[in-house]
Amino acid sequence: MNKPIVKKSIITIEVGLNEDKHPESIRWQSDDNPNTKEMTECKAFSLSLFDKEYKDTLKIDLWTSEMQVAEMDRFVFQTLRSLADTYYRATNNQQLANDMQLFVDYFGKQTGIIQETPES
């Protein structure tokens, strides 16, 4: 049985497009943000929604022309790391979460985000 909804939160994402319909600006705001009620700039966002009826994932991935490759590497690395944590919290499947984290570490090393230290 679902618990009753006692509060609603609104998250707003504003995307400014150029004449080719490519994102030039991305700003977001949440009425629950304790730091500010103002729109905050960002360079990229990734949104995944799991459709209740069709059991399919809907995705929106956008980034501005300002987003550099090194920043995209870091964004994807942090997103993958977060997904591994989310998967573990949702399923309690430690083995698969660890396997996911091994790929995250590999990705981090391949992109230079994780610096390999020489063994002593």
C-alpha atoms as a PDB file:
ATOM      1  CA  MET A   1       0.000   0.000   0.000  1.00  0.00           C
ATOM      2  CA  ASN A   2       1.363   3.435  -0.972  1.00  0.00           C
ATOM      3  CA  LYS A   3       1.838   6.059   1.693  1.00  0.00           C
ATOM      4  CA  PRO A   4      -0.170   9.259   1.235  1.00  0.00           C
ATOM      5  CA  ILE A   5       1.572  12.171  -0.471  1.00  0.00           C
ATOM      6  CA  VAL A   6       2.203  14.861   2.115  1.00  0.00           C
ATOM      7  CA  LYS A   7       4.286  17.275   0.039  1.00  0.00           C
ATOM      8  CA  LYS A   8       5.043  17.963  -3.599  1.00  0.00           C
ATOM      9  CA  SER A   9       8.262  19.371  -5.015  1.00  0.00           C
ATOM     10  CA  ILE A  10       8.739  21.141  -8.320  1.00  0.00           C
ATOM     11  CA  ILE A  11      11.973  20.929 -10.306  1.00  0.00           C
ATOM     12  CA  THR A  12      12.262  23.208 -13.315  1.00  0.00           C
ATOM     13  CA  ILE A  13      14.766  22.770 -16.153  1.00  0.00           C
ATOM     14  CA  GLU A  14      15.137  25.537 -18.717  1.00  0.00           C
ATOM     15  CA  VAL A  15      17.033  24.836 -21.956  1.00  0.00           C
ATOM     16  CA  GLY A  16      18.030  27.682 -24.283  1.00  0.00           C
ATOM     17  CA  LEU A  17      18.452  26.481 -27.873  1.00  0.00           C
ATOM     18  CA  ASN A  18      20.342  28.071 -30.763  1.00  0.00           C
ATOM     19  CA  GLU A  19      19.011  28.299 -34.315  1.00  0.00           C
ATOM     20  CA  ASP A  20      20.108  24.666 -34.935  1.00  0.00           C
ATOM     21  CA  LYS A  21      18.152  23.599 -31.847  1.00  0.00           C
ATOM     22  CA  HIS A  22      21.319  22.699 -29.930  1.00  0.00           C
ATOM     23  CA  PRO A  23      21.486  23.643 -26.235  1.00  0.00           C
ATOM     24  CA  GLU A  24      23.395  26.870 -25.552  1.00  0.00           C
ATOM     25  CA  SER A  25      22.261  27.296 -21.955  1.00  0.00           C
ATOM     26  CA  ILE A  26      20.819  25.005 -19.297  1.00  0.00           C
ATOM     27  CA  ARG A  27      19.456  26.269 -16.014  1.00  0.00           C
ATOM     28  CA  TRP A  28      17.582  24.493 -13.255  1.00  0.00           C
ATOM     29  CA  GLN A  29      15.717  25.368 -10.106  1.00  0.00           C
ATOM     30  CA  SER A  30      14.030  23.446  -7.306  1.00  0.00           C
ATOM     31  CA  ASP A  31      11.610  24.834  -4.771  1.00  0.00           C
ATOM     32  CA  ASP A  32      13.291  22.541  -2.191  1.00  0.00           C
ATOM     33  CA  ASN A  33      16.826  23.854  -2.775  1.00  0.00           C
ATOM     34  CA  PRO A  34      17.960  25.242   0.608  1.00  0.00           C
ATOM     35  CA  ASN A  35      20.728  27.335  -0.998  1.00  0.00           C
ATOM     36  CA  THR A  36      18.758  29.361  -3.531  1.00  0.00           C
ATOM     37  CA  LYS A  37      15.396  29.760  -5.166  1.00  0.00           C
ATOM     38  CA  GLU A  38      17.071  31.231  -8.264  1.00  0.00           C
ATOM     39  CA  MET A  39      17.764  29.395 -11.526  1.00  0.00           C
ATOM     40  CA  THR A  40      21.253  27.831 -11.456  1.00  0.00           C
ATOM     41  CA  GLU A  41      23.392  27.348 -14.561  1.00  0.00           C
ATOM     42  CA  CYS A  42      24.800  23.983 -15.520  1.00  0.00           C
ATOM     43  CA  LYS A  43      26.529  22.578 -18.613  1.00  0.00           C
ATOM     44  CA  ALA A  44      24.768  19.220 -18.862  1.00  0.00           C
ATOM     45  CA  PHE A  45      22.015  17.059 -17.480  1.00  0.00           C
ATOM     46  CA  SER A  46      20.849  13.493 -17.808  1.00  0.00           C
ATOM     47  CA  LEU A  47      17.295  12.553 -16.943  1.00  0.00           C
ATOM     48  CA  SER A  48      15.950   8.996 -16.869  1.00  0.00           C
ATOM     49  CA  LEU A  49      12.312   8.184 -16.231  1.00  0.00           C
ATOM     50  CA  PHE A  50      10.951   4.652 -15.909  1.00  0.00           C
ATOM     51  CA  ASP A  51       7.470   4.493 -17.418  1.00  0.00           C
ATOM     52  CA  LYS A  52       5.085   2.755 -15.021  1.00  0.00           C
ATOM     53  CA  GLU A  53       2.772   1.358 -17.694  1.00  0.00           C
ATOM     54  CA  TYR A  54       5.169   0.431 -20.513  1.00  0.00           C
ATOM     55  CA  LYS A  55       8.096  -0.616 -18.284  1.00  0.00           C
ATOM     56  CA  ASP A  56      10.480   1.330 -20.503  1.00  0.00           C
ATOM     57  CA  THR A  57      13.065   4.012 -19.753  1.00  0.00           C
ATOM     58  CA  LEU A  58      12.694   7.446 -21.268  1.00  0.00           C
ATOM     59  CA  LYS A  59      15.911   9.491 -21.416  1.00  0.00           C
ATOM     60  CA  ILE A  60      16.928  13.056 -22.029  1.00  0.00           C
ATOM     61  CA  ASP A  61      20.656  13.792 -22.206  1.00  0.00           C
ATOM     62  CA  LEU A  62      21.653  17.358 -23.060  1.00  0.00           C
ATOM     63  CA  TRP A  63      24.859  19.368 -22.842  1.00  0.00           C
ATOM     64  CA  THR A  64      25.831  22.843 -23.943  1.00  0.00           C
ATOM     65  CA  SER A  65      28.468  23.732 -26.516  1.00  0.00           C
ATOM     66  CA  GLU A  66      30.611  24.954 -23.581  1.00  0.00           C
ATOM     67  CA  MET A  67      30.936  21.399 -22.215  1.00  0.00           C
ATOM     68  CA  GLN A  68      34.507  20.239 -22.768  1.00  0.00           C
ATOM     69  CA  VAL A  69      35.482  16.600 -23.292  1.00  0.00           C
ATOM     70  CA  ALA A  70      37.274  16.422 -19.931  1.00  0.00           C
ATOM     71  CA  GLU A  71      34.141  17.762 -18.237  1.00  0.00           C
ATOM     72  CA  MET A  72      31.982  15.201 -20.052  1.00  0.00           C
ATOM     73  CA  ASP A  73      34.376  12.455 -18.907  1.00  0.00           C
ATOM     74  CA  ARG A  74      33.954  13.629 -15.302  1.00  0.00           C
ATOM     75  CA  PHE A  75      30.159  13.980 -15.689  1.00  0.00           C
ATOM     76  CA  VAL A  76      29.809  10.436 -17.056  1.00  0.00           C
ATOM     77  CA  PHE A  77      32.226   9.048 -14.425  1.00  0.00           C
ATOM     78  CA  GLN A  78      30.262  10.625 -11.579  1.00  0.00           C
ATOM     79  CA  THR A  79      26.956   9.497 -13.113  1.00  0.00           C
ATOM     80  CA  LEU A  80      28.152   5.900 -13.466  1.00  0.00           C
ATOM     81  CA  ARG A  81      29.479   5.904  -9.892  1.00  0.00           C
ATOM     82  CA  SER A  82      26.138   7.224  -8.654  1.00  0.00           C
ATOM     83  CA  LEU A  83      24.224   4.595 -10.669  1.00  0.00           C
ATOM     84  CA  ALA A  84      26.265   1.805  -9.079  1.00  0.00           C
ATOM     85  CA  ASP A  85      25.423   3.201  -5.620  1.00  0.00           C
ATOM     86  CA  THR A  86      21.755   3.638  -6.536  1.00  0.00           C
ATOM     87  CA  TYR A  87      21.573   0.095  -7.885  1.00  0.00           C
ATOM     88  CA  TYR A  88      23.004  -1.310  -4.644  1.00  0.00           C
ATOM     89  CA  ARG A  89      20.646   0.736  -2.426  1.00  0.00           C
ATOM     90  CA  ALA A  90      17.630  -0.336  -4.512  1.00  0.00           C
ATOM     91  CA  THR A  91      18.476  -4.038  -4.893  1.00  0.00           C
ATOM     92  CA  ASN A  92      21.002  -4.851  -2.168  1.00  0.00           C
ATOM     93  CA  ASN A  93      22.885  -6.839  -4.856  1.00  0.00           C
ATOM     94  CA  GLN A  94      26.427  -6.247  -3.590  1.00  0.00           C
ATOM     95  CA  GLN A  95      28.129  -8.475  -6.185  1.00  0.00           C
ATOM     96  CA  LEU A  96      26.653  -6.744  -9.222  1.00  0.00           C
ATOM     97  CA  ALA A  97      27.122  -3.300  -7.669  1.00  0.00           C
ATOM     98  CA  ASN A  98      30.790  -4.178  -7.111  1.00  0.00           C
ATOM     99  CA  ASP A  99      31.087  -5.315 -10.740  1.00  0.00           C
ATOM    100  CA  MET A 100      29.578  -2.022 -11.872  1.00  0.00           C
ATOM    101  CA  GLN A 101      32.061  -0.155  -9.669  1.00  0.00           C
ATOM    102  CA  LEU A 102      34.934  -2.069 -11.299  1.00  0.00           C
ATOM    103  CA  PHE A 103      33.833  -0.641 -14.653  1.00  0.00           C
ATOM    104  CA  VAL A 104      33.528   2.828 -13.121  1.00  0.00           C
ATOM    105  CA  ASP A 105      37.126   2.510 -11.889  1.00  0.00           C
ATOM    106  CA  TYR A 106      38.231   1.329 -15.338  1.00  0.00           C
ATOM    107  CA  PHE A 107      36.425   4.266 -16.972  1.00  0.00           C
ATOM    108  CA  GLY A 108      38.025   6.670 -14.486  1.00  0.00           C
ATOM    109  CA  LYS A 109      41.510   5.349 -15.213  1.00  0.00           C
ATOM    110  CA  GLN A 110      40.997   5.376 -18.988  1.00  0.00           C
ATOM    111  CA  THR A 111      39.831   9.003 -18.921  1.00  0.00           C
ATOM    112  CA  GLY A 112      42.524  10.142 -16.463  1.00  0.00           C
ATOM    113  CA  ILE A 113      40.044  11.026 -13.733  1.00  0.00           C
ATOM    114  CA  ILE A 114      41.583   8.367 -11.491  1.00  0.00           C
ATOM    115  CA  GLN A 115      45.353   8.606 -11.424  1.00  0.00           C
ATOM    116  CA  GLU A 116      46.993   5.208 -11.198  1.00  0.00           C
ATOM    117  CA  THR A 117      49.691   5.131  -8.530  1.00  0.00           C
ATOM    118  CA  PRO A 118      52.815   3.084  -9.201  1.00  0.00           C
ATOM    119  CA  GLU A 119      53.095   0.074  -6.926  1.00  0.00           C
ATOM    120  CA  SER A 120      55.941   0.207  -4.445  1.00  0.00           C
END
